[in-house]
Amino acid sequence: MKALIVTKEHQLVLSEELPVPRIGAYEALVKNDCCMICNGTDLGVIEGAIHEVETYPVVLGHEVAGRVIAVGDKVTYYKIGDLVVRAGHPGTKEIGSAWGGFSEFGIVKDYQAVKRDKAKVKDASLGITQQVCPADMKSEDASMLITLKETYSAITRIGAGGCQRLAIIGDGPVALAFVSCARLQGVEEIYLFGNHREKLQAGLRLGADSAVFNKDRNEVEIIRQKLKGNVDFCIDTIGCNTTITQCMDYIREDGTVAVYGLKNDARLEVPFPTFRNFTIKYVQWPLPDQEALAHEPVVKAIMSGKVSAKDFTTHRFSLEEFQKGFQAVRDRKALKVVLYFH
């Protein structure tokens, strides 16, 4: 079977040597339809910058959707034909798994059945977010669910749902997903800050009330004067000292800066504000149970047409054309890139 593997030399290659994984009693086998490139995590794995992935080679990818083609004897949650997300190849003795979504076949685990039977199944908790989607949902929309659920659950975790003012730093796919999910959660005013005019325009289409071009000093100063001390929450989708400091310009006396981006500096160094009551909170990694809770409302938004993968996906390629897809991400020409297996 075909799969994308990051080698020990941190090169991304297409392999046809990986075996189709065998399923256990509490697992289901999935034939994957498509997998999206995660601009942050996937590139970080390739570069060796994700702490959770230390041993190479590994099978890459996690924003994946596919159909169940076989189920284990103890499985009750999945049935053949189900559209599911986050199926991953578990790897082999020689090749590890960085969630393993860029593989033609993957495995999902029936977490509830494992819990019910008090069975011992390796990495059973992965099944918490390996959820079933509506039968008529498009695979690409299901793949996009991963980013949307992660950002939706992050808004819930920091308590920003329904707040009056939210600022979002960044204009990549994660930032735009935050715009969509903040609108779904009833945030009254959404302000988006970025460095690319075309992406900021996309943010306005997705529901931002204002999109600020960081490179225009006059534009930035006008909005800074308007928002200074008046923003309830500021989400930094970049994750470095400069963008965290930018958040500090806007948050209110007891406001919260939520750092979601993975571009970490070695040290956190931001100017201490004039006020004494504020929070800097890191929400860089989704909590499985919280992501799972976001499944129903986000699926409902997609199926009702409020959100669509088409709002985010700018490039589509076959798995064999993976180099074009990753290059489009590196060149910042793409928002979301989806690779199709068949």
C-alpha atoms as a PDB file:
ATOM      1  CA  MET A   1       0.000   0.000   0.000  1.00  0.00           C
ATOM      2  CA  LYS A   2       1.024   3.606  -0.512  1.00  0.00           C
ATOM      3  CA  ALA A   3       1.939   5.958   2.322  1.00  0.00           C
ATOM      4  CA  LEU A   4       3.886   9.148   2.973  1.00  0.00           C
ATOM      5  CA  ILE A   5       6.857   8.527   5.239  1.00  0.00           C
ATOM      6  CA  VAL A   6       9.267  10.953   6.881  1.00  0.00           C
ATOM      7  CA  THR A   7      12.715   9.362   6.809  1.00  0.00           C
ATOM      8  CA  LYS A   8      15.471   9.534   9.420  1.00  0.00           C
ATOM      9  CA  GLU A   9      16.985  12.281   7.274  1.00  0.00           C
ATOM     10  CA  HIS A  10      13.702  14.230   7.565  1.00  0.00           C
ATOM     11  CA  GLN A  11      12.819  13.757   3.919  1.00  0.00           C
ATOM     12  CA  LEU A  12       9.225  13.109   2.872  1.00  0.00           C
ATOM     13  CA  VAL A  13       8.910  10.143   0.503  1.00  0.00           C
ATOM     14  CA  LEU A  14       6.112   8.095  -1.045  1.00  0.00           C
ATOM     15  CA  SER A  15       6.473   4.442  -0.126  1.00  0.00           C
ATOM     16  CA  GLU A  16       4.625   1.428  -1.527  1.00  0.00           C
ATOM     17  CA  GLU A  17       6.246  -1.017   0.889  1.00  0.00           C
ATOM     18  CA  LEU A  18       4.110  -0.468   3.986  1.00  0.00           C
ATOM     19  CA  PRO A  19       1.809  -3.430   4.726  1.00  0.00           C
ATOM     20  CA  VAL A  20      -1.923  -3.036   5.181  1.00  0.00           C
ATOM     21  CA  PRO A  21      -2.426  -2.994   8.977  1.00  0.00           C
ATOM     22  CA  ARG A  22      -4.087  -5.924  10.689  1.00  0.00           C
ATOM     23  CA  ILE A  23      -6.983  -5.160  12.973  1.00  0.00           C
ATOM     24  CA  GLY A  24      -7.626  -6.474  16.461  1.00  0.00           C
ATOM     25  CA  ALA A  25     -10.937  -7.385  18.061  1.00  0.00           C
ATOM     26  CA  TYR A  26     -11.662  -3.757  19.056  1.00  0.00           C
ATOM     27  CA  GLU A  27     -10.490  -2.159  15.811  1.00  0.00           C
ATOM     28  CA  ALA A  28     -11.851  -1.423  12.335  1.00  0.00           C
ATOM     29  CA  LEU A  29      -9.961  -1.207   9.050  1.00  0.00           C
ATOM     30  CA  VAL A  30     -10.491   1.948   7.001  1.00  0.00           C
ATOM     31  CA  LYS A  31      -9.798   2.604   3.334  1.00  0.00           C
ATOM     32  CA  ASN A  32      -8.858   6.261   3.346  1.00  0.00           C
ATOM     33  CA  ASP A  33     -10.297   8.659   0.780  1.00  0.00           C
ATOM     34  CA  CYS A  34      -8.272  11.814   1.431  1.00  0.00           C
ATOM     35  CA  CYS A  35      -5.999  13.517   3.921  1.00  0.00           C
ATOM     36  CA  MET A  36      -5.329  17.228   4.352  1.00  0.00           C
ATOM     37  CA  ILE A  37      -1.920  18.716   5.045  1.00  0.00           C
ATOM     38  CA  CYS A  38      -1.721  20.263   8.494  1.00  0.00           C
ATOM     39  CA  ASN A  39       0.402  23.339   7.831  1.00  0.00           C
ATOM     40  CA  GLY A  40       1.745  23.410  11.382  1.00  0.00           C
ATOM     41  CA  THR A  41       2.009  19.859  12.682  1.00  0.00           C
ATOM     42  CA  ASP A  42       2.889  18.005   9.460  1.00  0.00           C
ATOM     43  CA  LEU A  43       5.648  20.435   8.523  1.00  0.00           C
ATOM     44  CA  GLY A  44       6.827  20.345  12.129  1.00  0.00           C
ATOM     45  CA  VAL A  45       7.086  16.540  12.028  1.00  0.00           C
ATOM     46  CA  ILE A  46       9.079  16.706   8.787  1.00  0.00           C
ATOM     47  CA  GLU A  47      11.439  19.255  10.328  1.00  0.00           C
ATOM     48  CA  GLY A  48      11.795  17.307  13.573  1.00  0.00           C
ATOM     49  CA  ALA A  49      10.192  20.101  15.588  1.00  0.00           C
ATOM     50  CA  ILE A  50       7.274  18.247  17.206  1.00  0.00           C
ATOM     51  CA  HIS A  51       8.206  16.930  20.645  1.00  0.00           C
ATOM     52  CA  GLU A  52       5.647  14.125  20.484  1.00  0.00           C
ATOM     53  CA  VAL A  53       7.509  12.602  17.527  1.00  0.00           C
ATOM     54  CA  GLU A  54      11.085  11.732  18.432  1.00  0.00           C
ATOM     55  CA  THR A  55      11.904   8.541  16.523  1.00  0.00           C
ATOM     56  CA  TYR A  56      12.058   8.318  12.728  1.00  0.00           C
ATOM     57  CA  PRO A  57      11.062   7.087  10.146  1.00  0.00           C
ATOM     58  CA  VAL A  58       7.325   7.654  10.678  1.00  0.00           C
ATOM     59  CA  VAL A  59       4.072   7.568   8.710  1.00  0.00           C
ATOM     60  CA  LEU A  60       2.781  11.150   8.470  1.00  0.00           C
ATOM     61  CA  GLY A  61      -0.681  12.738   8.674  1.00  0.00           C
ATOM     62  CA  HIS A  62      -3.781  13.063  10.857  1.00  0.00           C
ATOM     63  CA  GLU A  63      -6.447  15.109   9.008  1.00  0.00           C
ATOM     64  CA  VAL A  64      -7.814  12.045   7.246  1.00  0.00           C
ATOM     65  CA  ALA A  65     -11.221  10.650   6.270  1.00  0.00           C
ATOM     66  CA  GLY A  66     -12.189   7.265   4.870  1.00  0.00           C
ATOM     67  CA  ARG A  67     -14.657   4.371   4.862  1.00  0.00           C
ATOM     68  CA  VAL A  68     -14.727   1.347   7.150  1.00  0.00           C
ATOM     69  CA  ILE A  69     -14.196  -1.895   5.197  1.00  0.00           C
ATOM     70  CA  ALA A  70     -13.775  -4.434   8.026  1.00  0.00           C
ATOM     71  CA  VAL A  71     -14.522  -4.600  11.754  1.00  0.00           C
ATOM     72  CA  GLY A  72     -13.174  -6.655  14.644  1.00  0.00           C
ATOM     73  CA  ASP A  73     -15.301  -9.134  16.618  1.00  0.00           C
ATOM     74  CA  LYS A  74     -15.796  -6.803  19.606  1.00  0.00           C
ATOM     75  CA  VAL A  75     -16.553  -3.634  17.643  1.00  0.00           C
ATOM     76  CA  THR A  76     -20.002  -2.085  18.124  1.00  0.00           C
ATOM     77  CA  TYR A  77     -19.454   1.613  17.319  1.00  0.00           C
ATOM     78  CA  TYR A  78     -18.339   1.193  13.694  1.00  0.00           C
ATOM     79  CA  LYS A  79     -19.959  -0.688  10.851  1.00  0.00           C
ATOM     80  CA  ILE A  80     -18.825  -1.394   7.301  1.00  0.00           C
ATOM     81  CA  GLY A  81     -19.415   1.626   5.067  1.00  0.00           C
ATOM     82  CA  ASP A  82     -19.154   4.251   7.842  1.00  0.00           C
ATOM     83  CA  LEU A  83     -17.356   7.475   6.988  1.00  0.00           C
ATOM     84  CA  VAL A  84     -14.843   8.058   9.800  1.00  0.00           C
ATOM     85  CA  VAL A  85     -12.071  10.516  10.643  1.00  0.00           C
ATOM     86  CA  ARG A  86      -8.560  10.186  12.055  1.00  0.00           C
ATOM     87  CA  ALA A  87      -7.875   6.605  10.933  1.00  0.00           C
ATOM     88  CA  GLY A  88      -4.143   6.081  11.103  1.00  0.00           C
ATOM     89  CA  HIS A  89      -1.544   3.482  10.219  1.00  0.00           C
ATOM     90  CA  PRO A  90       0.022   2.251  13.488  1.00  0.00           C
ATOM     91  CA  GLY A  91       3.401   1.692  11.871  1.00  0.00           C
ATOM     92  CA  THR A  92       5.632  -1.378  11.951  1.00  0.00           C
ATOM     93  CA  LYS A  93       8.710  -2.488  13.881  1.00  0.00           C
ATOM     94  CA  GLU A  94      10.871  -0.477  11.491  1.00  0.00           C
ATOM     95  CA  ILE A  95       8.571   2.508  10.873  1.00  0.00           C
ATOM     96  CA  GLY A  96       6.780   4.488  13.573  1.00  0.00           C
ATOM     97  CA  SER A  97       3.582   6.486  13.297  1.00  0.00           C
ATOM     98  CA  ALA A  98       3.115  10.241  13.473  1.00  0.00           C
ATOM     99  CA  TRP A  99      -0.633   9.466  13.525  1.00  0.00           C
ATOM    100  CA  GLY A 100      -0.286   7.774  10.122  1.00  0.00           C
ATOM    101  CA  GLY A 101      -3.093   9.434   8.172  1.00  0.00           C
ATOM    102  CA  PHE A 102      -1.274   9.666   4.840  1.00  0.00           C
ATOM    103  CA  SER A 103      -1.722   5.952   4.185  1.00  0.00           C
ATOM    104  CA  GLU A 104      -4.163   4.136   1.926  1.00  0.00           C
ATOM    105  CA  PHE A 105      -5.420   2.066   4.846  1.00  0.00           C
ATOM    106  CA  GLY A 106      -5.683   2.930   8.517  1.00  0.00           C
ATOM    107  CA  ILE A 107      -7.159   1.733  11.788  1.00  0.00           C
ATOM    108  CA  VAL A 108      -9.768   3.207  14.132  1.00  0.00           C
ATOM    109  CA  LYS A 109     -10.325   1.927  17.662  1.00  0.00           C
ATOM    110  CA  ASP A 110     -13.670   1.379  19.359  1.00  0.00           C
ATOM    111  CA  TYR A 111     -12.871   3.260  22.565  1.00  0.00           C
ATOM    112  CA  GLN A 112     -16.320   2.754  24.070  1.00  0.00           C
ATOM    113  CA  ALA A 113     -16.160  -1.009  23.576  1.00  0.00           C
ATOM    114  CA  VAL A 114     -12.701  -1.133  25.137  1.00  0.00           C
ATOM    115  CA  LYS A 115     -13.981   0.868  28.088  1.00  0.00           C
ATOM    116  CA  ARG A 116     -17.100  -1.277  28.381  1.00  0.00           C
ATOM    117  CA  ASP A 117     -15.152  -4.538  28.442  1.00  0.00           C
ATOM    118  CA  LYS A 118     -12.242  -3.116  30.476  1.00  0.00           C
ATOM    119  CA  ALA A 119      -9.980  -4.524  27.794  1.00  0.00           C
ATOM    120  CA  LYS A 120      -6.297  -3.797  27.390  1.00  0.00           C
ATOM    121  CA  VAL A 121      -5.794  -2.281  23.935  1.00  0.00           C
ATOM    122  CA  LYS A 122      -2.711  -0.290  22.997  1.00  0.00           C
ATOM    123  CA  ASP A 123      -3.461   3.401  22.328  1.00  0.00           C
ATOM    124  CA  ALA A 124      -7.189   2.814  22.790  1.00  0.00           C
ATOM    125  CA  SER A 125      -7.651   6.508  23.663  1.00  0.00           C
ATOM    126  CA  LEU A 126      -7.036   7.368  20.003  1.00  0.00           C
ATOM    127  CA  GLY A 127     -10.560   6.136  19.410  1.00  0.00           C
ATOM    128  CA  ILE A 128     -12.046   9.050  21.341  1.00  0.00           C
ATOM    129  CA  THR A 129     -11.692  11.329  18.304  1.00  0.00           C
ATOM    130  CA  GLN A 130     -12.002   8.644  15.593  1.00  0.00           C
ATOM    131  CA  GLN A 131     -15.646   9.479  15.086  1.00  0.00           C
ATOM    132  CA  VAL A 132     -18.348   8.547  12.580  1.00  0.00           C
ATOM    133  CA  CYS A 133     -19.643  11.209  10.184  1.00  0.00           C
ATOM    134  CA  PRO A 134     -22.989  11.383   8.341  1.00  0.00           C
ATOM    135  CA  ALA A 135     -23.127   8.933   5.442  1.00  0.00           C
ATOM    136  CA  ASP A 136     -23.746  11.687   2.892  1.00  0.00           C
ATOM    137  CA  MET A 137     -20.982  14.006   4.108  1.00  0.00           C
ATOM    138  CA  LYS A 138     -18.245  14.597   1.545  1.00  0.00           C
ATOM    139  CA  SER A 139     -14.874  13.097   2.437  1.00  0.00           C
ATOM    140  CA  GLU A 140     -13.189  16.468   2.027  1.00  0.00           C
ATOM    141  CA  ASP A 141     -15.585  18.059   4.514  1.00  0.00           C
ATOM    142  CA  ALA A 142     -14.920  15.204   6.926  1.00  0.00           C
ATOM    143  CA  SER A 143     -11.184  15.748   6.574  1.00  0.00           C
ATOM    144  CA  MET A 144     -11.658  19.457   7.308  1.00  0.00           C
ATOM    145  CA  LEU A 145     -13.528  18.480  10.471  1.00  0.00           C
ATOM    146  CA  ILE A 146     -10.216  17.911  12.253  1.00  0.00           C
ATOM    147  CA  THR A 147      -9.071  21.536  12.076  1.00  0.00           C
ATOM    148  CA  LEU A 148     -12.553  22.846  12.787  1.00  0.00           C
ATOM    149  CA  LYS A 149     -13.108  20.620  15.818  1.00  0.00           C
ATOM    150  CA  GLU A 150      -9.683  21.434  17.241  1.00  0.00           C
ATOM    151  CA  THR A 151     -10.321  25.172  16.983  1.00  0.00           C
ATOM    152  CA  TYR A 152     -13.944  24.901  18.146  1.00  0.00           C
ATOM    153  CA  SER A 153     -12.846  22.985  21.238  1.00  0.00           C
ATOM    154  CA  ALA A 154     -10.041  25.492  21.901  1.00  0.00           C
ATOM    155  CA  ILE A 155     -12.593  28.318  22.001  1.00  0.00           C
ATOM    156  CA  THR A 156     -14.611  26.276  24.483  1.00  0.00           C
ATOM    157  CA  ARG A 157     -11.561  25.520  26.627  1.00  0.00           C
ATOM    158  CA  ILE A 158     -10.615  29.179  27.035  1.00  0.00           C
ATOM    159  CA  GLY A 159     -14.225  30.202  27.628  1.00  0.00           C
ATOM    160  CA  ALA A 160     -14.457  32.572  24.661  1.00  0.00           C
ATOM    161  CA  GLY A 161     -17.792  31.336  23.346  1.00  0.00           C
ATOM    162  CA  GLY A 162     -20.361  34.124  23.365  1.00  0.00           C
ATOM    163  CA  CYS A 163     -17.851  36.791  24.414  1.00  0.00           C
ATOM    164  CA  GLN A 164     -18.152  40.354  23.166  1.00  0.00           C
ATOM    165  CA  ARG A 165     -14.769  40.855  21.480  1.00  0.00           C
ATOM    166  CA  LEU A 166     -12.247  38.341  20.170  1.00  0.00           C
ATOM    167  CA  ALA A 167      -8.991  39.137  18.360  1.00  0.00           C
ATOM    168  CA  ILE A 168      -7.249  36.493  16.234  1.00  0.00           C
ATOM    169  CA  ILE A 169      -3.597  36.902  15.240  1.00  0.00           C
ATOM    170  CA  GLY A 170      -2.686  35.177  11.978  1.00  0.00           C
ATOM    171  CA  ASP A 171      -4.406  34.572   8.646  1.00  0.00           C
ATOM    172  CA  GLY A 172      -3.627  30.929   7.887  1.00  0.00           C
ATOM    173  CA  PRO A 173      -6.156  28.090   7.795  1.00  0.00           C
ATOM    174  CA  VAL A 174      -6.192  27.739  11.582  1.00  0.00           C
ATOM    175  CA  ALA A 175      -6.905  31.446  12.053  1.00  0.00           C
ATOM    176  CA  LEU A 176      -9.728  31.280   9.506  1.00  0.00           C
ATOM    177  CA  ALA A 177     -11.108  28.179  11.225  1.00  0.00           C
ATOM    178  CA  PHE A 178     -11.133  30.160  14.477  1.00  0.00           C
ATOM    179  CA  VAL A 179     -13.148  32.871  12.717  1.00  0.00           C
ATOM    180  CA  SER A 180     -15.749  30.329  11.570  1.00  0.00           C
ATOM    181  CA  CYS A 181     -15.947  28.575  14.926  1.00  0.00           C
ATOM    182  CA  ALA A 182     -16.106  31.826  16.886  1.00  0.00           C
ATOM    183  CA  ARG A 183     -19.051  32.879  14.755  1.00  0.00           C
ATOM    184  CA  LEU A 184     -20.699  29.499  15.373  1.00  0.00           C
ATOM    185  CA  GLN A 185     -20.223  29.999  19.116  1.00  0.00           C
ATOM    186  CA  GLY A 186     -21.855  33.401  19.168  1.00  0.00           C
ATOM    187  CA  VAL A 187     -18.880  35.742  19.561  1.00  0.00           C
ATOM    188  CA  GLU A 188     -20.230  39.241  18.939  1.00  0.00           C
ATOM    189  CA  GLU A 189     -17.170  40.969  17.396  1.00  0.00           C
ATOM    190  CA  ILE A 190     -14.277  39.205  15.659  1.00  0.00           C
ATOM    191  CA  TYR A 191     -11.074  41.005  14.667  1.00  0.00           C
ATOM    192  CA  LEU A 192      -8.532  39.265  12.421  1.00  0.00           C
ATOM    193  CA  PHE A 193      -4.899  40.390  12.061  1.00  0.00           C
ATOM    194  CA  GLY A 194      -2.647  39.086   9.280  1.00  0.00           C
ATOM    195  CA  ASN A 195       0.020  39.716   6.659  1.00  0.00           C
ATOM    196  CA  HIS A 196      -1.795  38.659   3.481  1.00  0.00           C
ATOM    197  CA  ARG A 197      -4.589  40.761   2.015  1.00  0.00           C
ATOM    198  CA  GLU A 198      -6.232  37.896   0.116  1.00  0.00           C
ATOM    199  CA  LYS A 199      -6.386  35.712   3.223  1.00  0.00           C
ATOM    200  CA  LEU A 200      -7.788  38.577   5.265  1.00  0.00           C
ATOM    201  CA  GLN A 201     -10.515  38.949   2.653  1.00  0.00           C
ATOM    202  CA  ALA A 202     -11.291  35.263   3.114  1.00  0.00           C
ATOM    203  CA  GLY A 203     -11.568  35.949   6.840  1.00  0.00           C
ATOM    204  CA  LEU A 204     -14.179  38.609   6.194  1.00  0.00           C
ATOM    205  CA  ARG A 205     -16.180  36.174   4.065  1.00  0.00           C
ATOM    206  CA  LEU A 206     -16.041  33.644   6.898  1.00  0.00           C
ATOM    207  CA  GLY A 207     -17.441  36.077   9.441  1.00  0.00           C
ATOM    208  CA  ALA A 208     -14.741  38.429  10.744  1.00  0.00           C
ATOM    209  CA  ASP A 209     -16.073  41.917  11.493  1.00  0.00           C
ATOM    210  CA  SER A 210     -12.711  43.521  10.727  1.00  0.00           C
ATOM    211  CA  ALA A 211      -9.534  42.282   9.018  1.00  0.00           C
ATOM    212  CA  VAL A 212      -6.375  44.259   9.767  1.00  0.00           C
ATOM    213  CA  PHE A 213      -3.302  44.242   7.535  1.00  0.00           C
ATOM    214  CA  ASN A 214      -0.314  44.149   9.898  1.00  0.00           C
ATOM    215  CA  LYS A 215       2.005  45.748   7.359  1.00  0.00           C
ATOM    216  CA  ASP A 216      -0.070  48.935   7.169  1.00  0.00           C
ATOM    217  CA  ARG A 217       1.036  50.958  10.207  1.00  0.00           C
ATOM    218  CA  ASN A 218      -1.799  53.447   9.961  1.00  0.00           C
ATOM    219  CA  GLU A 219      -4.376  50.681   9.757  1.00  0.00           C
ATOM    220  CA  VAL A 220      -2.839  48.910  12.743  1.00  0.00           C
ATOM    221  CA  GLU A 221      -2.668  52.072  14.837  1.00  0.00           C
ATOM    222  CA  ILE A 222      -6.303  52.963  14.171  1.00  0.00           C
ATOM    223  CA  ILE A 223      -7.506  49.542  15.303  1.00  0.00           C
ATOM    224  CA  ARG A 224      -5.075  49.530  18.248  1.00  0.00           C
ATOM    225  CA  GLN A 225      -6.584  52.735  19.564  1.00  0.00           C
ATOM    226  CA  LYS A 226     -10.056  51.284  19.118  1.00  0.00           C
ATOM    227  CA  LEU A 227      -9.355  47.951  20.769  1.00  0.00           C
ATOM    228  CA  LYS A 228      -6.720  48.765  23.388  1.00  0.00           C
ATOM    229  CA  GLY A 229      -7.928  47.310  26.669  1.00  0.00           C
ATOM    230  CA  ASN A 230     -11.284  46.275  25.186  1.00  0.00           C
ATOM    231  CA  VAL A 231     -10.727  42.707  23.906  1.00  0.00           C
ATOM    232  CA  ASP A 232     -11.918  39.801  26.054  1.00  0.00           C
ATOM    233  CA  PHE A 233      -9.790  37.112  24.413  1.00  0.00           C
ATOM    234  CA  CYS A 234      -6.923  37.171  21.929  1.00  0.00           C
ATOM    235  CA  ILE A 235      -5.950  33.957  20.150  1.00  0.00           C
ATOM    236  CA  ASP A 236      -2.407  33.778  18.799  1.00  0.00           C
ATOM    237  CA  THR A 237      -2.322  31.242  15.950  1.00  0.00           C
ATOM    238  CA  ILE A 238       1.400  31.825  15.286  1.00  0.00           C
ATOM    239  CA  GLY A 239       2.909  31.179  18.710  1.00  0.00           C
ATOM    240  CA  CYS A 240       5.945  33.439  19.111  1.00  0.00           C
ATOM    241  CA  ASN A 241       6.964  36.342  21.335  1.00  0.00           C
ATOM    242  CA  THR A 242       6.101  38.973  18.739  1.00  0.00           C
ATOM    243  CA  THR A 243       2.530  37.792  18.216  1.00  0.00           C
ATOM    244  CA  ILE A 244       1.924  37.173  21.922  1.00  0.00           C
ATOM    245  CA  THR A 245       3.103  40.728  22.557  1.00  0.00           C
ATOM    246  CA  GLN A 246       0.705  41.982  19.885  1.00  0.00           C
ATOM    247  CA  CYS A 247      -2.127  40.340  21.816  1.00  0.00           C
ATOM    248  CA  MET A 248      -1.118  42.238  24.940  1.00  0.00           C
ATOM    249  CA  ASP A 249      -1.911  45.497  23.103  1.00  0.00           C
ATOM    250  CA  TYR A 250      -5.590  44.598  22.928  1.00  0.00           C
ATOM    251  CA  ILE A 251      -6.740  42.506  25.883  1.00  0.00           C
ATOM    252  CA  ARG A 252      -8.704  44.044  28.710  1.00  0.00           C
ATOM    253  CA  GLU A 253      -7.484  44.258  32.324  1.00  0.00           C
ATOM    254  CA  ASP A 254      -8.450  40.652  33.113  1.00  0.00           C
ATOM    255  CA  GLY A 255      -8.318  39.352  29.540  1.00  0.00           C
ATOM    256  CA  THR A 256      -6.825  36.141  28.209  1.00  0.00           C
ATOM    257  CA  VAL A 257      -4.147  35.519  25.590  1.00  0.00           C
ATOM    258  CA  ALA A 258      -4.550  31.987  24.218  1.00  0.00           C
ATOM    259  CA  VAL A 259      -1.468  30.674  22.409  1.00  0.00           C
ATOM    260  CA  TYR A 260      -2.457  28.079  19.816  1.00  0.00           C
ATOM    261  CA  GLY A 261       0.349  28.389  17.259  1.00  0.00           C
ATOM    262  CA  LEU A 262       3.324  26.012  17.313  1.00  0.00           C
ATOM    263  CA  LYS A 263       6.047  28.435  16.233  1.00  0.00           C
ATOM    264  CA  ASN A 264       7.618  28.422  19.683  1.00  0.00           C
ATOM    265  CA  ASP A 265      10.497  30.633  20.737  1.00  0.00           C
ATOM    266  CA  ALA A 266      13.028  29.169  23.147  1.00  0.00           C
ATOM    267  CA  ARG A 267      11.824  31.553  25.850  1.00  0.00           C
ATOM    268  CA  LEU A 268       8.627  33.422  26.556  1.00  0.00           C
ATOM    269  CA  GLU A 269       9.555  37.103  26.757  1.00  0.00           C
ATOM    270  CA  VAL A 270       6.753  39.649  26.512  1.00  0.00           C
ATOM    271  CA  PRO A 271       6.586  43.171  27.983  1.00  0.00           C
ATOM    272  CA  PHE A 272       4.784  43.253  31.293  1.00  0.00           C
ATOM    273  CA  PRO A 273       1.593  45.296  30.819  1.00  0.00           C
ATOM    274  CA  THR A 274       0.540  48.231  32.962  1.00  0.00           C
ATOM    275  CA  PHE A 275      -2.303  46.147  34.412  1.00  0.00           C
ATOM    276  CA  ARG A 276      -1.807  43.284  36.822  1.00  0.00           C
ATOM    277  CA  ASN A 277      -4.625  40.866  36.043  1.00  0.00           C
ATOM    278  CA  PHE A 278      -4.303  38.834  32.868  1.00  0.00           C
ATOM    279  CA  THR A 279      -3.828  35.260  31.657  1.00  0.00           C
ATOM    280  CA  ILE A 280      -1.524  33.710  29.072  1.00  0.00           C
ATOM    281  CA  LYS A 281      -2.830  30.219  28.354  1.00  0.00           C
ATOM    282  CA  TYR A 282      -1.395  27.620  26.013  1.00  0.00           C
ATOM    283  CA  VAL A 283      -3.967  25.554  24.076  1.00  0.00           C
ATOM    284  CA  GLN A 284      -1.585  24.209  21.457  1.00  0.00           C
ATOM    285  CA  TRP A 285      -2.684  20.586  21.546  1.00  0.00           C
ATOM    286  CA  PRO A 286      -6.305  19.393  21.431  1.00  0.00           C
ATOM    287  CA  LEU A 287      -7.715  17.469  24.382  1.00  0.00           C
ATOM    288  CA  PRO A 288      -9.363  14.320  22.940  1.00  0.00           C
ATOM    289  CA  ASP A 289     -12.512  14.446  25.051  1.00  0.00           C
ATOM    290  CA  GLN A 290     -13.055  18.139  24.266  1.00  0.00           C
ATOM    291  CA  GLU A 291     -12.456  17.596  20.543  1.00  0.00           C
ATOM    292  CA  ALA A 292     -14.955  14.735  20.606  1.00  0.00           C
ATOM    293  CA  LEU A 293     -17.603  17.002  22.151  1.00  0.00           C
ATOM    294  CA  ALA A 294     -17.123  19.443  19.278  1.00  0.00           C
ATOM    295  CA  HIS A 295     -18.024  16.765  16.717  1.00  0.00           C
ATOM    296  CA  GLU A 296     -21.805  17.180  16.810  1.00  0.00           C
ATOM    297  CA  PRO A 297     -22.016  21.007  16.554  1.00  0.00           C
ATOM    298  CA  VAL A 298     -19.348  21.230  13.834  1.00  0.00           C
ATOM    299  CA  VAL A 299     -20.880  18.393  11.808  1.00  0.00           C
ATOM    300  CA  LYS A 300     -24.243  20.141  12.112  1.00  0.00           C
ATOM    301  CA  ALA A 301     -22.703  23.388  10.817  1.00  0.00           C
ATOM    302  CA  ILE A 302     -21.205  21.602   7.803  1.00  0.00           C
ATOM    303  CA  MET A 303     -24.328  19.646   6.938  1.00  0.00           C
ATOM    304  CA  SER A 304     -26.467  22.798   7.175  1.00  0.00           C
ATOM    305  CA  GLY A 305     -24.109  24.687   4.855  1.00  0.00           C
ATOM    306  CA  LYS A 306     -22.849  27.176   7.440  1.00  0.00           C
ATOM    307  CA  VAL A 307     -19.285  25.901   6.952  1.00  0.00           C
ATOM    308  CA  SER A 308     -17.686  24.050   4.057  1.00  0.00           C
ATOM    309  CA  ALA A 309     -14.247  22.680   3.236  1.00  0.00           C
ATOM    310  CA  LYS A 310     -14.489  24.743   0.043  1.00  0.00           C
ATOM    311  CA  ASP A 311     -14.103  27.857   2.206  1.00  0.00           C
ATOM    312  CA  PHE A 312     -10.602  26.676   3.132  1.00  0.00           C
ATOM    313  CA  THR A 313      -9.325  24.273   0.473  1.00  0.00           C
ATOM    314  CA  THR A 314      -7.307  25.977  -2.243  1.00  0.00           C
ATOM    315  CA  HIS A 315      -5.341  23.042  -3.704  1.00  0.00           C
ATOM    316  CA  ARG A 316      -6.171  19.400  -4.473  1.00  0.00           C
ATOM    317  CA  PHE A 317      -3.711  16.740  -5.619  1.00  0.00           C
ATOM    318  CA  SER A 318      -3.357  12.983  -5.804  1.00  0.00           C
ATOM    319  CA  LEU A 319      -1.143  11.314  -3.201  1.00  0.00           C
ATOM    320  CA  GLU A 320       1.478  10.819  -5.920  1.00  0.00           C
ATOM    321  CA  GLU A 321       1.629  14.605  -6.347  1.00  0.00           C
ATOM    322  CA  PHE A 322       2.378  15.180  -2.660  1.00  0.00           C
ATOM    323  CA  GLN A 323       5.461  17.275  -3.400  1.00  0.00           C
ATOM    324  CA  LYS A 324       3.335  19.875  -5.198  1.00  0.00           C
ATOM    325  CA  GLY A 325       0.981  20.039  -2.246  1.00  0.00           C
ATOM    326  CA  PHE A 326       3.666  20.477   0.390  1.00  0.00           C
ATOM    327  CA  GLN A 327       5.488  23.027  -1.742  1.00  0.00           C
ATOM    328  CA  ALA A 328       2.293  25.084  -2.063  1.00  0.00           C
ATOM    329  CA  VAL A 329       2.093  25.148   1.738  1.00  0.00           C
ATOM    330  CA  ARG A 330       5.759  26.086   2.144  1.00  0.00           C
ATOM    331  CA  ASP A 331       5.422  28.857  -0.460  1.00  0.00           C
ATOM    332  CA  ARG A 332       2.349  30.175   1.396  1.00  0.00           C
ATOM    333  CA  LYS A 333       0.301  29.867  -1.786  1.00  0.00           C
ATOM    334  CA  ALA A 334      -2.213  27.545  -0.160  1.00  0.00           C
ATOM    335  CA  LEU A 335      -4.622  27.605   2.725  1.00  0.00           C
ATOM    336  CA  LYS A 336      -5.597  23.942   2.991  1.00  0.00           C
ATOM    337  CA  VAL A 337      -4.227  21.292   0.632  1.00  0.00           C
ATOM    338  CA  VAL A 338      -5.983  17.941   0.304  1.00  0.00           C
ATOM    339  CA  LEU A 339      -4.361  14.815  -1.124  1.00  0.00           C
ATOM    340  CA  TYR A 340      -6.640  12.128  -2.547  1.00  0.00           C
ATOM    341  CA  PHE A 341      -5.737   8.448  -2.393  1.00  0.00           C
ATOM    342  CA  HIS A 342      -7.960   7.176  -5.222  1.00  0.00           C
END
